[in-house]
Amino acid sequence: MLSEDVKIKFSGFEPSHDVRSSLYYLLNRLHLKSPHQSFLSATFTLTNGIIEGVIKISSGTGNFVAKASDVQMSQVGEKLMDKIGGQLDKWKSLRCF
């Protein structure tokens, strides 16, 4: 995995160092579960007190997208991980070797 394979962007706010570090950790773990040679991007936007998060995984075997919003960053992250994790689990169960 290369660091340029995982991109993260924030709009409307600048997260604390701890929040940023936690997100990078979670996204890198998620990237390890993703298809080979995939690219992961995450965008977090704060609008009127609501944080919206979007995770996109692009690969030759398929694309995965999850969206979630909440007033708390931790809840947004949890919802996104559940949604995209479910998509990756389904992909893994259907792929052929």
C-alpha atoms as a PDB file:
ATOM      1  CA  MET A   1       0.000   0.000   0.000  1.00  0.00           C
ATOM      2  CA  LEU A   2       1.290   3.422  -0.905  1.00  0.00           C
ATOM      3  CA  SER A   3       0.306   6.541   0.977  1.00  0.00           C
ATOM      4  CA  GLU A   4      -0.881   8.114  -2.273  1.00  0.00           C
ATOM      5  CA  ASP A   5      -3.439   5.294  -2.557  1.00  0.00           C
ATOM      6  CA  VAL A   6      -5.372   6.849   0.361  1.00  0.00           C
ATOM      7  CA  LYS A   7      -6.536  10.469   0.117  1.00  0.00           C
ATOM      8  CA  ILE A   8      -8.479  12.429   2.693  1.00  0.00           C
ATOM      9  CA  LYS A   9      -9.993  15.910   2.358  1.00  0.00           C
ATOM     10  CA  PHE A  10     -11.733  18.204   4.829  1.00  0.00           C
ATOM     11  CA  SER A  11     -13.999  21.081   3.850  1.00  0.00           C
ATOM     12  CA  GLY A  12     -15.475  23.691   6.174  1.00  0.00           C
ATOM     13  CA  PHE A  13     -13.361  22.673   9.162  1.00  0.00           C
ATOM     14  CA  GLU A  14      -9.918  21.549  10.225  1.00  0.00           C
ATOM     15  CA  PRO A  15      -9.964  18.465  12.484  1.00  0.00           C
ATOM     16  CA  SER A  16      -7.719  18.089  15.502  1.00  0.00           C
ATOM     17  CA  HIS A  17      -4.508  16.118  15.159  1.00  0.00           C
ATOM     18  CA  ASP A  18      -6.078  13.232  17.114  1.00  0.00           C
ATOM     19  CA  VAL A  19      -9.151  13.076  14.867  1.00  0.00           C
ATOM     20  CA  ARG A  20      -7.016  13.254  11.732  1.00  0.00           C
ATOM     21  CA  SER A  21      -4.702  10.493  13.006  1.00  0.00           C
ATOM     22  CA  SER A  22      -7.645   8.258  13.933  1.00  0.00           C
ATOM     23  CA  LEU A  23      -9.206   8.708  10.497  1.00  0.00           C
ATOM     24  CA  TYR A  24      -5.962   7.930   8.697  1.00  0.00           C
ATOM     25  CA  TYR A  25      -5.566   4.799  10.811  1.00  0.00           C
ATOM     26  CA  LEU A  26      -9.121   3.605  10.047  1.00  0.00           C
ATOM     27  CA  LEU A  27      -8.865   4.437   6.350  1.00  0.00           C
ATOM     28  CA  ASN A  28      -5.533   2.663   5.986  1.00  0.00           C
ATOM     29  CA  ARG A  29      -7.005  -0.431   7.680  1.00  0.00           C
ATOM     30  CA  LEU A  30      -9.979  -0.225   5.331  1.00  0.00           C
ATOM     31  CA  HIS A  31      -7.648   0.083   2.351  1.00  0.00           C
ATOM     32  CA  LEU A  32      -5.902  -3.135   3.379  1.00  0.00           C
ATOM     33  CA  LYS A  33      -9.286  -4.919   3.125  1.00  0.00           C
ATOM     34  CA  SER A  34      -9.983  -3.388  -0.293  1.00  0.00           C
ATOM     35  CA  PRO A  35      -9.324  -4.994  -3.682  1.00  0.00           C
ATOM     36  CA  HIS A  36      -5.720  -5.149  -4.870  1.00  0.00           C
ATOM     37  CA  GLN A  37      -4.425  -1.935  -6.454  1.00  0.00           C
ATOM     38  CA  SER A  38      -7.387   0.113  -5.281  1.00  0.00           C
ATOM     39  CA  PHE A  39      -7.522   3.805  -4.491  1.00  0.00           C
ATOM     40  CA  LEU A  40      -9.434   5.148  -1.504  1.00  0.00           C
ATOM     41  CA  SER A  41     -10.640   8.713  -1.084  1.00  0.00           C
ATOM     42  CA  ALA A  42     -12.559  10.195   1.803  1.00  0.00           C
ATOM     43  CA  THR A  43     -14.160  13.623   2.027  1.00  0.00           C
ATOM     44  CA  PHE A  44     -15.590  15.197   5.158  1.00  0.00           C
ATOM     45  CA  THR A  45     -17.625  18.396   4.860  1.00  0.00           C
ATOM     46  CA  LEU A  46     -19.060  20.523   7.674  1.00  0.00           C
ATOM     47  CA  THR A  47     -22.218  22.446   6.757  1.00  0.00           C
ATOM     48  CA  ASN A  48     -24.544  24.059   9.314  1.00  0.00           C
ATOM     49  CA  GLY A  49     -23.205  21.894  12.136  1.00  0.00           C
ATOM     50  CA  ILE A  50     -23.627  18.622  10.230  1.00  0.00           C
ATOM     51  CA  ILE A  51     -20.614  16.609   9.110  1.00  0.00           C
ATOM     52  CA  GLU A  52     -21.099  14.648   5.909  1.00  0.00           C
ATOM     53  CA  GLY A  53     -18.596  11.954   5.031  1.00  0.00           C
ATOM     54  CA  VAL A  54     -18.091  10.123   1.760  1.00  0.00           C
ATOM     55  CA  ILE A  55     -15.715   7.218   1.196  1.00  0.00           C
ATOM     56  CA  LYS A  56     -14.980   6.002  -2.323  1.00  0.00           C
ATOM     57  CA  ILE A  57     -12.907   2.959  -3.207  1.00  0.00           C
ATOM     58  CA  SER A  58     -11.979   2.584  -6.868  1.00  0.00           C
ATOM     59  CA  SER A  59     -10.453  -0.592  -8.258  1.00  0.00           C
ATOM     60  CA  GLY A  60     -10.332  -2.704 -11.377  1.00  0.00           C
ATOM     61  CA  THR A  61     -12.749  -5.192  -9.826  1.00  0.00           C
ATOM     62  CA  GLY A  62     -15.359  -2.677  -8.749  1.00  0.00           C
ATOM     63  CA  ASN A  63     -16.175   0.600  -7.068  1.00  0.00           C
ATOM     64  CA  PHE A  64     -17.566   1.072  -3.590  1.00  0.00           C
ATOM     65  CA  VAL A  65     -19.171   4.216  -2.151  1.00  0.00           C
ATOM     66  CA  ALA A  66     -20.592   5.038   1.261  1.00  0.00           C
ATOM     67  CA  LYS A  67     -22.134   8.264   2.577  1.00  0.00           C
ATOM     68  CA  ALA A  68     -23.101   9.219   6.109  1.00  0.00           C
ATOM     69  CA  SER A  69     -23.804  12.332   8.150  1.00  0.00           C
ATOM     70  CA  ASP A  70     -24.073  13.265  11.817  1.00  0.00           C
ATOM     71  CA  VAL A  71     -23.194  16.079  14.183  1.00  0.00           C
ATOM     72  CA  GLN A  72     -20.348  14.029  15.663  1.00  0.00           C
ATOM     73  CA  MET A  73     -17.315  13.014  13.638  1.00  0.00           C
ATOM     74  CA  SER A  74     -17.017   9.708  15.491  1.00  0.00           C
ATOM     75  CA  GLN A  75     -20.556   8.745  14.463  1.00  0.00           C
ATOM     76  CA  VAL A  76     -19.901   9.675  10.843  1.00  0.00           C
ATOM     77  CA  GLY A  77     -16.799   7.487  10.835  1.00  0.00           C
ATOM     78  CA  GLU A  78     -18.622   4.579  12.444  1.00  0.00           C
ATOM     79  CA  LYS A  79     -21.516   4.749   9.969  1.00  0.00           C
ATOM     80  CA  LEU A  80     -19.149   4.962   7.001  1.00  0.00           C
ATOM     81  CA  MET A  81     -17.066   2.008   8.179  1.00  0.00           C
ATOM     82  CA  ASP A  82     -20.210  -0.104   8.666  1.00  0.00           C
ATOM     83  CA  LYS A  83     -21.570   0.753   5.215  1.00  0.00           C
ATOM     84  CA  ILE A  84     -18.390   0.334   3.201  1.00  0.00           C
ATOM     85  CA  GLY A  85     -17.323  -2.658   5.298  1.00  0.00           C
ATOM     86  CA  GLY A  86     -20.589  -4.386   4.393  1.00  0.00           C
ATOM     87  CA  GLN A  87     -19.993  -3.721   0.706  1.00  0.00           C
ATOM     88  CA  LEU A  88     -16.467  -5.133   0.914  1.00  0.00           C
ATOM     89  CA  ASP A  89     -17.695  -8.209   2.814  1.00  0.00           C
ATOM     90  CA  LYS A  90     -20.287  -8.833   0.091  1.00  0.00           C
ATOM     91  CA  TRP A  91     -17.649  -8.395  -2.629  1.00  0.00           C
ATOM     92  CA  LYS A  92     -15.345 -10.872  -0.880  1.00  0.00           C
ATOM     93  CA  SER A  93     -18.128 -13.451  -0.584  1.00  0.00           C
ATOM     94  CA  LEU A  94     -18.952 -13.229  -4.312  1.00  0.00           C
ATOM     95  CA  ARG A  95     -15.488 -13.141  -5.857  1.00  0.00           C
ATOM     96  CA  CYS A  96     -14.065 -16.203  -7.566  1.00  0.00           C
ATOM     97  CA  PHE A  97     -10.556 -17.558  -7.191  1.00  0.00           C
END
